Amino acid sequence: MVFHDEVEIEDFEYDEATETYTYPCPCGDIFRISKEDLMYGEDIARCASCSLLIRVIYNVDEFVAKEEEAKKAKAGTSNLAVN
């Protein structure tokens, strides 16, 4: 598999509504990868308009731990709001 580029996860934009990370593609569209894909160790972002692929550079273990911690913090905030 040939990649157009390798891009750090920190360089992607994150959309909370769709839980998707995006990065500009040279064709004018965007590369996309979902948070769920990243949680499962997927590291290939695809552009829907062309055949280019990029590899997402990230540490899957750190990513999963960070997401689980954020989920716990959010649950804690929700419980405080109910009380």
C-alpha atoms as a PDB file:
ATOM      1  CA  MET A   1       0.000   0.000   0.000  1.00  0.00           C
ATOM      2  CA  VAL A   2       1.348   3.415  -0.951  1.00  0.00           C
ATOM      3  CA  PHE A   3       0.587   6.417   1.238  1.00  0.00           C
ATOM      4  CA  HIS A   4       0.482  10.001   0.044  1.00  0.00           C
ATOM      5  CA  ASP A   5       1.779  11.145   3.442  1.00  0.00           C
ATOM      6  CA  GLU A   6       2.025  10.335   7.143  1.00  0.00           C
ATOM      7  CA  VAL A   7       0.283  12.858   9.397  1.00  0.00           C
ATOM      8  CA  GLU A   8       0.259  13.204  13.198  1.00  0.00           C
ATOM      9  CA  ILE A   9      -3.182  12.899  14.808  1.00  0.00           C
ATOM     10  CA  GLU A  10      -2.633  16.325  16.393  1.00  0.00           C
ATOM     11  CA  ASP A  11      -2.673  17.875  12.887  1.00  0.00           C
ATOM     12  CA  PHE A  12      -6.196  16.599  12.170  1.00  0.00           C
ATOM     13  CA  GLU A  13      -9.377  18.575  12.903  1.00  0.00           C
ATOM     14  CA  TYR A  14     -11.887  16.760  15.149  1.00  0.00           C
ATOM     15  CA  ASP A  15     -15.665  17.071  14.699  1.00  0.00           C
ATOM     16  CA  GLU A  16     -17.459  16.079  17.921  1.00  0.00           C
ATOM     17  CA  ALA A  17     -20.850  15.806  16.210  1.00  0.00           C
ATOM     18  CA  THR A  18     -19.666  13.112  13.784  1.00  0.00           C
ATOM     19  CA  GLU A  19     -16.759  11.842  15.933  1.00  0.00           C
ATOM     20  CA  THR A  20     -14.567  12.108  12.844  1.00  0.00           C
ATOM     21  CA  TYR A  21     -11.014  13.342  12.318  1.00  0.00           C
ATOM     22  CA  THR A  22     -10.341  15.180   9.045  1.00  0.00           C
ATOM     23  CA  TYR A  23      -7.307  16.501   7.190  1.00  0.00           C
ATOM     24  CA  PRO A  24      -7.166  18.449   3.877  1.00  0.00           C
ATOM     25  CA  CYS A  25      -6.491  16.409   0.737  1.00  0.00           C
ATOM     26  CA  PRO A  26      -4.546  17.909  -2.191  1.00  0.00           C
ATOM     27  CA  CYS A  27      -7.545  17.189  -4.454  1.00  0.00           C
ATOM     28  CA  GLY A  28      -9.610  19.764  -2.538  1.00  0.00           C
ATOM     29  CA  ASP A  29     -11.669  17.301  -0.490  1.00  0.00           C
ATOM     30  CA  ILE A  30     -10.658  15.874   2.900  1.00  0.00           C
ATOM     31  CA  PHE A  31      -9.222  12.699   4.352  1.00  0.00           C
ATOM     32  CA  ARG A  32     -11.483  11.173   7.016  1.00  0.00           C
ATOM     33  CA  ILE A  33     -11.116   8.619   9.774  1.00  0.00           C
ATOM     34  CA  SER A  34     -13.580   7.965  12.581  1.00  0.00           C
ATOM     35  CA  LYS A  35     -12.749   7.930  16.257  1.00  0.00           C
ATOM     36  CA  GLU A  36     -14.111   4.370  16.355  1.00  0.00           C
ATOM     37  CA  ASP A  37     -11.655   3.270  13.638  1.00  0.00           C
ATOM     38  CA  LEU A  38      -8.785   4.825  15.594  1.00  0.00           C
ATOM     39  CA  MET A  39      -9.944   3.082  18.787  1.00  0.00           C
ATOM     40  CA  TYR A  40      -9.655  -0.246  16.943  1.00  0.00           C
ATOM     41  CA  GLY A  41      -6.123   0.534  15.763  1.00  0.00           C
ATOM     42  CA  GLU A  42      -6.957   1.577  12.188  1.00  0.00           C
ATOM     43  CA  ASP A  43      -4.402   4.107  10.934  1.00  0.00           C
ATOM     44  CA  ILE A  44      -5.437   4.777   7.338  1.00  0.00           C
ATOM     45  CA  ALA A  45      -7.428   7.904   6.470  1.00  0.00           C
ATOM     46  CA  ARG A  46      -9.085   7.936   3.057  1.00  0.00           C
ATOM     47  CA  CYS A  47     -10.288  10.650   0.728  1.00  0.00           C
ATOM     48  CA  ALA A  48     -13.731  10.007  -0.732  1.00  0.00           C
ATOM     49  CA  SER A  49     -12.999  12.029  -3.887  1.00  0.00           C
ATOM     50  CA  CYS A  50      -9.714  10.486  -4.993  1.00  0.00           C
ATOM     51  CA  SER A  51      -7.566   7.415  -4.432  1.00  0.00           C
ATOM     52  CA  LEU A  52      -5.118   9.002  -1.974  1.00  0.00           C
ATOM     53  CA  LEU A  53      -4.501   7.480   1.442  1.00  0.00           C
ATOM     54  CA  ILE A  54      -2.589   8.849   4.410  1.00  0.00           C
ATOM     55  CA  ARG A  55      -1.268   7.068   7.473  1.00  0.00           C
ATOM     56  CA  VAL A  56      -2.338   8.550  10.791  1.00  0.00           C
ATOM     57  CA  ILE A  57       0.559   8.671  13.227  1.00  0.00           C
ATOM     58  CA  TYR A  58      -0.658   8.079  16.780  1.00  0.00           C
ATOM     59  CA  ASN A  59      -0.164   5.764  19.741  1.00  0.00           C
ATOM     60  CA  VAL A  60      -3.289   3.589  19.873  1.00  0.00           C
ATOM     61  CA  ASP A  61      -2.838   2.700  23.542  1.00  0.00           C
ATOM     62  CA  GLU A  62      -2.541   6.361  24.562  1.00  0.00           C
ATOM     63  CA  PHE A  63      -5.475   7.281  22.308  1.00  0.00           C
ATOM     64  CA  VAL A  64      -7.752   4.610  23.832  1.00  0.00           C
ATOM     65  CA  ALA A  65      -6.717   5.536  27.396  1.00  0.00           C
ATOM     66  CA  LYS A  66      -7.374   9.232  26.708  1.00  0.00           C
ATOM     67  CA  GLU A  67     -10.811   8.498  25.205  1.00  0.00           C
ATOM     68  CA  GLU A  68     -11.783   6.232  28.115  1.00  0.00           C
ATOM     69  CA  GLU A  69     -10.703   8.901  30.605  1.00  0.00           C
ATOM     70  CA  ALA A  70     -12.713  11.538  28.725  1.00  0.00           C
ATOM     71  CA  LYS A  71     -15.752   9.234  28.733  1.00  0.00           C
ATOM     72  CA  LYS A  72     -15.433   8.740  32.526  1.00  0.00           C
ATOM     73  CA  ALA A  73     -15.072  12.481  33.083  1.00  0.00           C
ATOM     74  CA  LYS A  74     -18.142  13.136  30.955  1.00  0.00           C
ATOM     75  CA  ALA A  75     -20.131  10.499  32.872  1.00  0.00           C
ATOM     76  CA  GLY A  76     -19.032  12.099  36.156  1.00  0.00           C
ATOM     77  CA  THR A  77     -20.197  15.502  34.946  1.00  0.00           C
ATOM     78  CA  SER A  78     -23.547  14.014  33.891  1.00  0.00           C
ATOM     79  CA  ASN A  79     -24.017  12.424  37.324  1.00  0.00           C
ATOM     80  CA  LEU A  80     -23.306  15.756  39.016  1.00  0.00           C
ATOM     81  CA  ALA A  81     -25.922  17.460  36.855  1.00  0.00           C
ATOM     82  CA  VAL A  82     -28.558  14.875  37.860  1.00  0.00           C
ATOM     83  CA  ASN A  83     -27.851  15.203  41.600  1.00  0.00           C
END
